[in-house]
Amino acid sequence: MADADDNNITMNKNEVVRKINDFLVDEFEVDEGDISPNANLKETLDLDSLDYVDLVAVIENHFGFKVQNEDFRNINTFQDFYDYIINKVNAN
């Protein structure tokens, strides 16, 4: 069983998803109603190469880990994106 300190360090999935959705709405001006787990991340956010740079900077700023370019190769949907960040946050 985890102690109280572990619970403070580890964000639960709902907190991570809420934080991600909040910064996507704020930083990328996407309608929150367009964000769903199975939606295509790139198409929904209308990302170009410069937007990816911004997205990486926002992730690193909000979640405190370094993003590698190759990490995005297998991210297609919002659920892929959520899972990637949840795994990285909870691994640190």
PDB file of N, CA and C in Angstrom:
ATOM      1  N   MET A   1       0.842  -1.191   0.000  1.00  0.00           N
ATOM      2  CA  MET A   1       0.000   0.000   0.000  1.00  0.00           C
ATOM      3  C   MET A   1       0.883   1.249   0.000  1.00  0.00           C
ATOM      4  N   ALA A   2       0.525   2.218  -0.791  1.00  0.00           N
ATOM      5  CA  ALA A   2       1.312   3.451  -0.897  1.00  0.00           C
ATOM      6  C   ALA A   2       1.086   4.317   0.328  1.00  0.00           C
ATOM      7  N   ASP A   3       2.144   5.015   0.734  1.00  0.00           N
ATOM      8  CA  ASP A   3       1.968   5.937   1.851  1.00  0.00           C
ATOM      9  C   ASP A   3       1.551   7.309   1.324  1.00  0.00           C
ATOM     10  N   ALA A   4       1.291   8.225   2.221  1.00  0.00           N
ATOM     11  CA  ALA A   4       0.775   9.549   1.844  1.00  0.00           C
ATOM     12  C   ALA A   4       1.734  10.298   0.932  1.00  0.00           C
ATOM     13  N   ASP A   5       3.048  10.132   1.155  1.00  0.00           N
ATOM     14  CA  ASP A   5       4.014  10.834   0.317  1.00  0.00           C
ATOM     15  C   ASP A   5       3.940  10.365  -1.131  1.00  0.00           C
ATOM     16  N   ASP A   6       3.767   9.056  -1.344  1.00  0.00           N
ATOM     17  CA  ASP A   6       3.638   8.533  -2.702  1.00  0.00           C
ATOM     18  C   ASP A   6       2.411   9.105  -3.389  1.00  0.00           C
ATOM     19  N   ASN A   7       1.315   9.244  -2.659  1.00  0.00           N
ATOM     20  CA  ASN A   7       0.085   9.770  -3.244  1.00  0.00           C
ATOM     21  C   ASN A   7       0.236  11.228  -3.657  1.00  0.00           C
ATOM     22  N   ASN A   8       1.059  11.979  -2.953  1.00  0.00           N
ATOM     23  CA  ASN A   8       1.274  13.375  -3.301  1.00  0.00           C
ATOM     24  C   ASN A   8       2.134  13.502  -4.565  1.00  0.00           C
ATOM     25  N   ILE A   9       3.032  12.570  -4.778  1.00  0.00           N
ATOM     26  CA  ILE A   9       3.937  12.627  -5.917  1.00  0.00           C
ATOM     27  C   ILE A   9       3.253  12.123  -7.184  1.00  0.00           C
ATOM     28  N   THR A  10       2.506  11.044  -7.081  1.00  0.00           N
ATOM     29  CA  THR A  10       1.895  10.408  -8.232  1.00  0.00           C
ATOM     30  C   THR A  10       0.541  11.034  -8.533  1.00  0.00           C
ATOM     31  N   MET A  11       0.384  11.523  -9.751  1.00  0.00           N
ATOM     32  CA  MET A  11      -0.902  12.078 -10.163  1.00  0.00           C
ATOM     33  C   MET A  11      -1.771  10.934 -10.659  1.00  0.00           C
ATOM     34  N   ASN A  12      -3.068  10.975 -10.320  1.00  0.00           N
ATOM     35  CA  ASN A  12      -3.925   9.927 -10.854  1.00  0.00           C
ATOM     36  C   ASN A  12      -4.317  10.257 -12.285  1.00  0.00           C
ATOM     37  N   LYS A  13      -4.861   9.265 -12.963  1.00  0.00           N
ATOM     38  CA  LYS A  13      -5.164   9.410 -14.391  1.00  0.00           C
ATOM     39  C   LYS A  13      -6.127  10.553 -14.658  1.00  0.00           C
ATOM     40  N   ASN A  14      -7.154  10.697 -13.837  1.00  0.00           N
ATOM     41  CA  ASN A  14      -8.136  11.770 -14.055  1.00  0.00           C
ATOM     42  C   ASN A  14      -7.507  13.146 -13.914  1.00  0.00           C
ATOM     43  N   GLU A  15      -6.592  13.300 -12.953  1.00  0.00           N
ATOM     44  CA  GLU A  15      -5.906  14.587 -12.781  1.00  0.00           C
ATOM     45  C   GLU A  15      -5.047  14.908 -14.003  1.00  0.00           C
ATOM     46  N   VAL A  16      -4.346  13.906 -14.520  1.00  0.00           N
ATOM     47  CA  VAL A  16      -3.489  14.116 -15.685  1.00  0.00           C
ATOM     48  C   VAL A  16      -4.336  14.485 -16.893  1.00  0.00           C
ATOM     49  N   VAL A  17      -5.418  13.751 -17.133  1.00  0.00           N
ATOM     50  CA  VAL A  17      -6.284  14.024 -18.279  1.00  0.00           C
ATOM     51  C   VAL A  17      -6.885  15.425 -18.176  1.00  0.00           C
ATOM     52  N   ARG A  18      -7.334  15.796 -17.005  1.00  0.00           N
ATOM     53  CA  ARG A  18      -7.907  17.137 -16.808  1.00  0.00           C
ATOM     54  C   ARG A  18      -6.859  18.220 -17.061  1.00  0.00           C
ATOM     55  N   LYS A  19      -5.655  18.018 -16.555  1.00  0.00           N
ATOM     56  CA  LYS A  19      -4.582  18.995 -16.753  1.00  0.00           C
ATOM     57  C   LYS A  19      -4.218  19.111 -18.233  1.00  0.00           C
ATOM     58  N   ILE A  20      -4.137  17.975 -18.917  1.00  0.00           N
ATOM     59  CA  ILE A  20      -3.829  17.980 -20.354  1.00  0.00           C
ATOM     60  C   ILE A  20      -4.910  18.738 -21.111  1.00  0.00           C
ATOM     61  N   ASN A  21      -6.159  18.372 -20.875  1.00  0.00           N
ATOM     62  CA  ASN A  21      -7.260  19.021 -21.593  1.00  0.00           C
ATOM     63  C   ASN A  21      -7.287  20.514 -21.330  1.00  0.00           C
ATOM     64  N   ASP A  22      -7.028  20.913 -20.092  1.00  0.00           N
ATOM     65  CA  ASP A  22      -7.014  22.348 -19.756  1.00  0.00           C
ATOM     66  C   ASP A  22      -5.938  23.083 -20.550  1.00  0.00           C
ATOM     67  N   PHE A  23      -4.725  22.533 -20.616  1.00  0.00           N
ATOM     68  CA  PHE A  23      -3.684  23.268 -21.341  1.00  0.00           C
ATOM     69  C   PHE A  23      -3.894  23.209 -22.844  1.00  0.00           C
ATOM     70  N   LEU A  24      -4.525  22.145 -23.346  1.00  0.00           N
ATOM     71  CA  LEU A  24      -4.817  22.102 -24.786  1.00  0.00           C
ATOM     72  C   LEU A  24      -5.841  23.164 -25.162  1.00  0.00           C
ATOM     73  N   VAL A  25      -6.842  23.334 -24.333  1.00  0.00           N
ATOM     74  CA  VAL A  25      -7.865  24.363 -24.576  1.00  0.00           C
ATOM     75  C   VAL A  25      -7.232  25.745 -24.502  1.00  0.00           C
ATOM     76  N   ASP A  26      -6.401  25.980 -23.475  1.00  0.00           N
ATOM     77  CA  ASP A  26      -5.772  27.290 -23.283  1.00  0.00           C
ATOM     78  C   ASP A  26      -4.694  27.594 -24.309  1.00  0.00           C
ATOM     79  N   GLU A  27      -3.787  26.656 -24.527  1.00  0.00           N
ATOM     80  CA  GLU A  27      -2.610  26.903 -25.356  1.00  0.00           C
ATOM     81  C   GLU A  27      -2.873  26.723 -26.855  1.00  0.00           C
ATOM     82  N   PHE A  28      -3.772  25.794 -27.201  1.00  0.00           N
ATOM     83  CA  PHE A  28      -3.984  25.472 -28.612  1.00  0.00           C
ATOM     84  C   PHE A  28      -5.372  25.868 -29.104  1.00  0.00           C
ATOM     85  N   GLU A  29      -6.114  26.528 -28.232  1.00  0.00           N
ATOM     86  CA  GLU A  29      -7.425  27.087 -28.574  1.00  0.00           C
ATOM     87  C   GLU A  29      -8.341  26.064 -29.240  1.00  0.00           C
ATOM     88  N   VAL A  30      -8.302  24.837 -28.736  1.00  0.00           N
ATOM     89  CA  VAL A  30      -9.184  23.786 -29.230  1.00  0.00           C
ATOM     90  C   VAL A  30     -10.446  23.771 -28.368  1.00  0.00           C
ATOM     91  N   ASP A  31     -11.571  23.482 -28.973  1.00  0.00           N
ATOM     92  CA  ASP A  31     -12.832  23.376 -28.253  1.00  0.00           C
ATOM     93  C   ASP A  31     -12.800  22.101 -27.422  1.00  0.00           C
ATOM     94  N   GLU A  32     -13.052  22.212 -26.134  1.00  0.00           N
ATOM     95  CA  GLU A  32     -12.991  21.046 -25.251  1.00  0.00           C
ATOM     96  C   GLU A  32     -13.928  19.937 -25.727  1.00  0.00           C
ATOM     97  N   GLY A  33     -15.019  20.305 -26.382  1.00  0.00           N
ATOM     98  CA  GLY A  33     -15.952  19.317 -26.910  1.00  0.00           C
ATOM     99  C   GLY A  33     -15.365  18.478 -28.030  1.00  0.00           C
ATOM    100  N   ASP A  34     -14.292  18.962 -28.665  1.00  0.00           N
ATOM    101  CA  ASP A  34     -13.629  18.215 -29.732  1.00  0.00           C
ATOM    102  C   ASP A  34     -12.628  17.197 -29.200  1.00  0.00           C
ATOM    103  N   ILE A  35     -12.310  17.277 -27.910  1.00  0.00           N
ATOM    104  CA  ILE A  35     -11.334  16.384 -27.300  1.00  0.00           C
ATOM    105  C   ILE A  35     -12.048  15.143 -26.790  1.00  0.00           C
ATOM    106  N   SER A  36     -11.681  14.008 -27.344  1.00  0.00           N
ATOM    107  CA  SER A  36     -12.196  12.722 -26.851  1.00  0.00           C
ATOM    108  C   SER A  36     -11.079  11.692 -26.980  1.00  0.00           C
ATOM    109  N   PRO A  37     -11.112  10.652 -26.160  1.00  0.00           N
ATOM    110  CA  PRO A  37     -10.009   9.690 -26.158  1.00  0.00           C
ATOM    111  C   PRO A  37      -9.675   9.099 -27.523  1.00  0.00           C
ATOM    112  N   ASN A  38     -10.681   8.860 -28.368  1.00  0.00           N
ATOM    113  CA  ASN A  38     -10.429   8.213 -29.657  1.00  0.00           C
ATOM    114  C   ASN A  38     -10.195   9.186 -30.802  1.00  0.00           C
ATOM    115  N   ALA A  39     -10.306  10.487 -30.539  1.00  0.00           N
ATOM    116  CA  ALA A  39     -10.084  11.489 -31.594  1.00  0.00           C
ATOM    117  C   ALA A  39      -8.604  11.540 -31.955  1.00  0.00           C
ATOM    118  N   ASN A  40      -8.327  11.844 -33.216  1.00  0.00           N
ATOM    119  CA  ASN A  40      -6.957  11.970 -33.683  1.00  0.00           C
ATOM    120  C   ASN A  40      -6.353  13.270 -33.145  1.00  0.00           C
ATOM    121  N   LEU A  41      -5.261  13.144 -32.428  1.00  0.00           N
ATOM    122  CA  LEU A  41      -4.622  14.294 -31.778  1.00  0.00           C
ATOM    123  C   LEU A  41      -4.179  15.344 -32.793  1.00  0.00           C
ATOM    124  N   LYS A  42      -3.440  14.915 -33.809  1.00  0.00           N
ATOM    125  CA  LYS A  42      -2.882  15.855 -34.785  1.00  0.00           C
ATOM    126  C   LYS A  42      -3.992  16.588 -35.544  1.00  0.00           C
ATOM    127  N   GLU A  43      -5.011  15.856 -35.979  1.00  0.00           N
ATOM    128  CA  GLU A  43      -6.101  16.472 -36.739  1.00  0.00           C
ATOM    129  C   GLU A  43      -6.947  17.401 -35.871  1.00  0.00           C
ATOM    130  N   THR A  44      -7.263  16.960 -34.665  1.00  0.00           N
ATOM    131  CA  THR A  44      -8.110  17.766 -33.783  1.00  0.00           C
ATOM    132  C   THR A  44      -7.431  19.069 -33.401  1.00  0.00           C
ATOM    133  N   LEU A  45      -6.142  19.001 -33.112  1.00  0.00           N
ATOM    134  CA  LEU A  45      -5.397  20.199 -32.720  1.00  0.00           C
ATOM    135  C   LEU A  45      -4.856  20.960 -33.918  1.00  0.00           C
ATOM    136  N   ASP A  46      -4.985  20.389 -35.106  1.00  0.00           N
ATOM    137  CA  ASP A  46      -4.485  20.991 -36.335  1.00  0.00           C
ATOM    138  C   ASP A  46      -3.005  21.345 -36.185  1.00  0.00           C
ATOM    139  N   LEU A  47      -2.216  20.331 -35.776  1.00  0.00           N
ATOM    140  CA  LEU A  47      -0.802  20.543 -35.464  1.00  0.00           C
ATOM    141  C   LEU A  47       0.070  20.546 -36.707  1.00  0.00           C
ATOM    142  N   ASP A  48       0.937  21.548 -36.793  1.00  0.00           N
ATOM    143  CA  ASP A  48       2.006  21.531 -37.778  1.00  0.00           C
ATOM    144  C   ASP A  48       3.321  21.353 -37.013  1.00  0.00           C
ATOM    145  N   SER A  49       4.440  21.401 -37.705  1.00  0.00           N
ATOM    146  CA  SER A  49       5.721  21.125 -37.048  1.00  0.00           C
ATOM    147  C   SER A  49       6.042  22.131 -35.944  1.00  0.00           C
ATOM    148  N   LEU A  50       5.693  23.388 -36.131  1.00  0.00           N
ATOM    149  CA  LEU A  50       5.938  24.393 -35.086  1.00  0.00           C
ATOM    150  C   LEU A  50       5.033  24.160 -33.876  1.00  0.00           C
ATOM    151  N   ASP A  51       3.809  23.706 -34.137  1.00  0.00           N
ATOM    152  CA  ASP A  51       2.894  23.401 -33.039  1.00  0.00           C
ATOM    153  C   ASP A  51       3.422  22.255 -32.190  1.00  0.00           C
ATOM    154  N   TYR A  52       4.073  21.268 -32.841  1.00  0.00           N
ATOM    155  CA  TYR A  52       4.666  20.169 -32.078  1.00  0.00           C
ATOM    156  C   TYR A  52       5.746  20.688 -31.125  1.00  0.00           C
ATOM    157  N   VAL A  53       6.532  21.640 -31.584  1.00  0.00           N
ATOM    158  CA  VAL A  53       7.558  22.236 -30.720  1.00  0.00           C
ATOM    159  C   VAL A  53       6.886  22.901 -29.517  1.00  0.00           C
ATOM    160  N   ASP A  54       5.816  23.634 -29.770  1.00  0.00           N
ATOM    161  CA  ASP A  54       5.070  24.270 -28.682  1.00  0.00           C
ATOM    162  C   ASP A  54       4.478  23.222 -27.737  1.00  0.00           C
ATOM    163  N   LEU A  55       3.924  22.160 -28.304  1.00  0.00           N
ATOM    164  CA  LEU A  55       3.320  21.106 -27.491  1.00  0.00           C
ATOM    165  C   LEU A  55       4.360  20.460 -26.588  1.00  0.00           C
ATOM    166  N   VAL A  56       5.528  20.183 -27.132  1.00  0.00           N
ATOM    167  CA  VAL A  56       6.611  19.601 -26.335  1.00  0.00           C
ATOM    168  C   VAL A  56       6.998  20.544 -25.191  1.00  0.00           C
ATOM    169  N   ALA A  57       7.132  21.826 -25.484  1.00  0.00           N
ATOM    170  CA  ALA A  57       7.494  22.808 -24.449  1.00  0.00           C
ATOM    171  C   ALA A  57       6.432  22.864 -23.358  1.00  0.00           C
ATOM    172  N   VAL A  58       5.174  22.823 -23.741  1.00  0.00           N
ATOM    173  CA  VAL A  58       4.080  22.879 -22.767  1.00  0.00           C
ATOM    174  C   VAL A  58       4.090  21.622 -21.896  1.00  0.00           C
ATOM    175  N   ILE A  59       4.295  20.463 -22.498  1.00  0.00           N
ATOM    176  CA  ILE A  59       4.348  19.210 -21.732  1.00  0.00           C
ATOM    177  C   ILE A  59       5.491  19.265 -20.727  1.00  0.00           C
ATOM    178  N   GLU A  60       6.667  19.664 -21.201  1.00  0.00           N
ATOM    179  CA  GLU A  60       7.821  19.717 -20.307  1.00  0.00           C
ATOM    180  C   GLU A  60       7.600  20.711 -19.175  1.00  0.00           C
ATOM    181  N   ASN A  61       6.975  21.824 -19.457  1.00  0.00           N
ATOM    182  CA  ASN A  61       6.695  22.834 -18.451  1.00  0.00           C
ATOM    183  C   ASN A  61       5.660  22.353 -17.431  1.00  0.00           C
ATOM    184  N   HIS A  62       4.597  21.739 -17.906  1.00  0.00           N
ATOM    185  CA  HIS A  62       3.505  21.313 -17.025  1.00  0.00           C
ATOM    186  C   HIS A  62       3.815  20.044 -16.235  1.00  0.00           C
ATOM    187  N   PHE A  63       4.583  19.127 -16.832  1.00  0.00           N
ATOM    188  CA  PHE A  63       4.762  17.821 -16.216  1.00  0.00           C
ATOM    189  C   PHE A  63       6.188  17.519 -15.775  1.00  0.00           C
ATOM    190  N   GLY A  64       7.149  18.359 -16.147  1.00  0.00           N
ATOM    191  CA  GLY A  64       8.501  18.243 -15.614  1.00  0.00           C
ATOM    192  C   GLY A  64       9.329  17.073 -16.108  1.00  0.00           C
ATOM    193  N   PHE A  65       9.106  16.617 -17.324  1.00  0.00           N
ATOM    194  CA  PHE A  65       9.987  15.600 -17.891  1.00  0.00           C
ATOM    195  C   PHE A  65      10.357  15.991 -19.312  1.00  0.00           C
ATOM    196  N   LYS A  66      11.460  15.445 -19.783  1.00  0.00           N
ATOM    197  CA  LYS A  66      11.980  15.742 -21.116  1.00  0.00           C
ATOM    198  C   LYS A  66      11.304  14.840 -22.144  1.00  0.00           C
ATOM    199  N   VAL A  67      10.784  15.447 -23.190  1.00  0.00           N
ATOM    200  CA  VAL A  67      10.116  14.717 -24.258  1.00  0.00           C
ATOM    201  C   VAL A  67      11.108  14.464 -25.389  1.00  0.00           C
ATOM    202  N   GLN A  68      11.136  13.242 -25.872  1.00  0.00           N
ATOM    203  CA  GLN A  68      11.973  12.869 -27.000  1.00  0.00           C
ATOM    204  C   GLN A  68      11.108  12.867 -28.265  1.00  0.00           C
ATOM    205  N   ASN A  69      11.662  13.320 -29.379  1.00  0.00           N
ATOM    206  CA  ASN A  69      10.904  13.362 -30.635  1.00  0.00           C
ATOM    207  C   ASN A  69      10.302  12.012 -30.994  1.00  0.00           C
ATOM    208  N   GLU A  70      11.077  10.952 -30.791  1.00  0.00           N
ATOM    209  CA  GLU A  70      10.588   9.622 -31.159  1.00  0.00           C
ATOM    210  C   GLU A  70       9.407   9.164 -30.309  1.00  0.00           C
ATOM    211  N   ASP A  71       9.206   9.797 -29.162  1.00  0.00           N
ATOM    212  CA  ASP A  71       8.063   9.446 -28.309  1.00  0.00           C
ATOM    213  C   ASP A  71       6.736   9.677 -29.018  1.00  0.00           C
ATOM    214  N   PHE A  72       6.712  10.608 -29.961  1.00  0.00           N
ATOM    215  CA  PHE A  72       5.454  10.949 -30.638  1.00  0.00           C
ATOM    216  C   PHE A  72       5.124  10.012 -31.802  1.00  0.00           C
ATOM    217  N   ARG A  73       6.029   9.133 -32.151  1.00  0.00           N
ATOM    218  CA  ARG A  73       5.777   8.238 -33.296  1.00  0.00           C
ATOM    219  C   ARG A  73       4.545   7.375 -33.104  1.00  0.00           C
ATOM    220  N   ASN A  74       4.289   6.927 -31.885  1.00  0.00           N
ATOM    221  CA  ASN A  74       3.170   6.024 -31.618  1.00  0.00           C
ATOM    222  C   ASN A  74       1.971   6.729 -31.001  1.00  0.00           C
ATOM    223  N   ILE A  75       1.970   8.045 -31.013  1.00  0.00           N
ATOM    224  CA  ILE A  75       0.846   8.800 -30.455  1.00  0.00           C
ATOM    225  C   ILE A  75      -0.039   9.269 -31.600  1.00  0.00           C
ATOM    226  N   ASN A  76      -1.212   8.684 -31.670  1.00  0.00           N
ATOM    227  CA  ASN A  76      -2.173   9.056 -32.704  1.00  0.00           C
ATOM    228  C   ASN A  76      -3.424   9.688 -32.112  1.00  0.00           C
ATOM    229  N   THR A  77      -3.937   9.095 -31.043  1.00  0.00           N
ATOM    230  CA  THR A  77      -5.178   9.571 -30.438  1.00  0.00           C
ATOM    231  C   THR A  77      -4.893  10.309 -29.130  1.00  0.00           C
ATOM    232  N   PHE A  78      -5.915  10.964 -28.627  1.00  0.00           N
ATOM    233  CA  PHE A  78      -5.778  11.606 -27.321  1.00  0.00           C
ATOM    234  C   PHE A  78      -5.479  10.565 -26.248  1.00  0.00           C
ATOM    235  N   GLN A  79      -6.081   9.368 -26.348  1.00  0.00           N
ATOM    236  CA  GLN A  79      -5.816   8.324 -25.364  1.00  0.00           C
ATOM    237  C   GLN A  79      -4.354   7.922 -25.390  1.00  0.00           C
ATOM    238  N   ASP A  80      -3.767   7.803 -26.582  1.00  0.00           N
ATOM    239  CA  ASP A  80      -2.325   7.519 -26.677  1.00  0.00           C
ATOM    240  C   ASP A  80      -1.525   8.609 -25.961  1.00  0.00           C
ATOM    241  N   PHE A  81      -1.925   9.852 -26.160  1.00  0.00           N
ATOM    242  CA  PHE A  81      -1.254  11.008 -25.562  1.00  0.00           C
ATOM    243  C   PHE A  81      -1.383  10.977 -24.041  1.00  0.00           C
ATOM    244  N   TYR A  82      -2.607  10.722 -23.557  1.00  0.00           N
ATOM    245  CA  TYR A  82      -2.835  10.618 -22.106  1.00  0.00           C
ATOM    246  C   TYR A  82      -1.961   9.507 -21.517  1.00  0.00           C
ATOM    247  N   ASP A  83      -1.995   8.329 -22.146  1.00  0.00           N
ATOM    248  CA  ASP A  83      -1.238   7.191 -21.622  1.00  0.00           C
ATOM    249  C   ASP A  83       0.258   7.486 -21.586  1.00  0.00           C
ATOM    250  N   TYR A  84       0.758   8.130 -22.627  1.00  0.00           N
ATOM    251  CA  TYR A  84       2.177   8.490 -22.682  1.00  0.00           C
ATOM    252  C   TYR A  84       2.542   9.381 -21.503  1.00  0.00           C
ATOM    253  N   ILE A  85       1.774  10.429 -21.278  1.00  0.00           N
ATOM    254  CA  ILE A  85       2.089  11.369 -20.196  1.00  0.00           C
ATOM    255  C   ILE A  85       1.910  10.707 -18.829  1.00  0.00           C
ATOM    256  N   ILE A  86       0.845   9.942 -18.648  1.00  0.00           N
ATOM    257  CA  ILE A  86       0.611   9.241 -17.371  1.00  0.00           C
ATOM    258  C   ILE A  86       1.790   8.334 -17.058  1.00  0.00           C
ATOM    259  N   ASN A  87       2.254   7.576 -18.056  1.00  0.00           N
ATOM    260  CA  ASN A  87       3.385   6.675 -17.834  1.00  0.00           C
ATOM    261  C   ASN A  87       4.653   7.439 -17.482  1.00  0.00           C
ATOM    262  N   LYS A  88       4.918   8.548 -18.174  1.00  0.00           N
ATOM    263  CA  LYS A  88       6.111   9.354 -17.899  1.00  0.00           C
ATOM    264  C   LYS A  88       6.046  10.008 -16.522  1.00  0.00           C
ATOM    265  N   VAL A  89       4.882  10.582 -16.186  1.00  0.00           N
ATOM    266  CA  VAL A  89       4.729  11.255 -14.891  1.00  0.00           C
ATOM    267  C   VAL A  89       4.901  10.267 -13.751  1.00  0.00           C
ATOM    268  N   ASN A  90       4.308   9.108 -13.869  1.00  0.00           N
ATOM    269  CA  ASN A  90       4.343   8.136 -12.791  1.00  0.00           C
ATOM    270  C   ASN A  90       5.653   7.353 -12.732  1.00  0.00           C
ATOM    271  N   ALA A  91       6.459   7.451 -13.793  1.00  0.00           N
ATOM    272  CA  ALA A  91       7.769   6.794 -13.791  1.00  0.00           C
ATOM    273  C   ALA A  91       8.814   7.618 -13.067  1.00  0.00           C
ATOM    274  N   ASN A  92       8.558   8.934 -12.959  1.00  0.00           N
ATOM    275  CA  ASN A  92       9.542   9.834 -12.325  1.00  0.00           C
ATOM    276  C   ASN A  92       9.415   9.846 -10.837  1.00  0.00           C
TER     277      ASN A  92
END
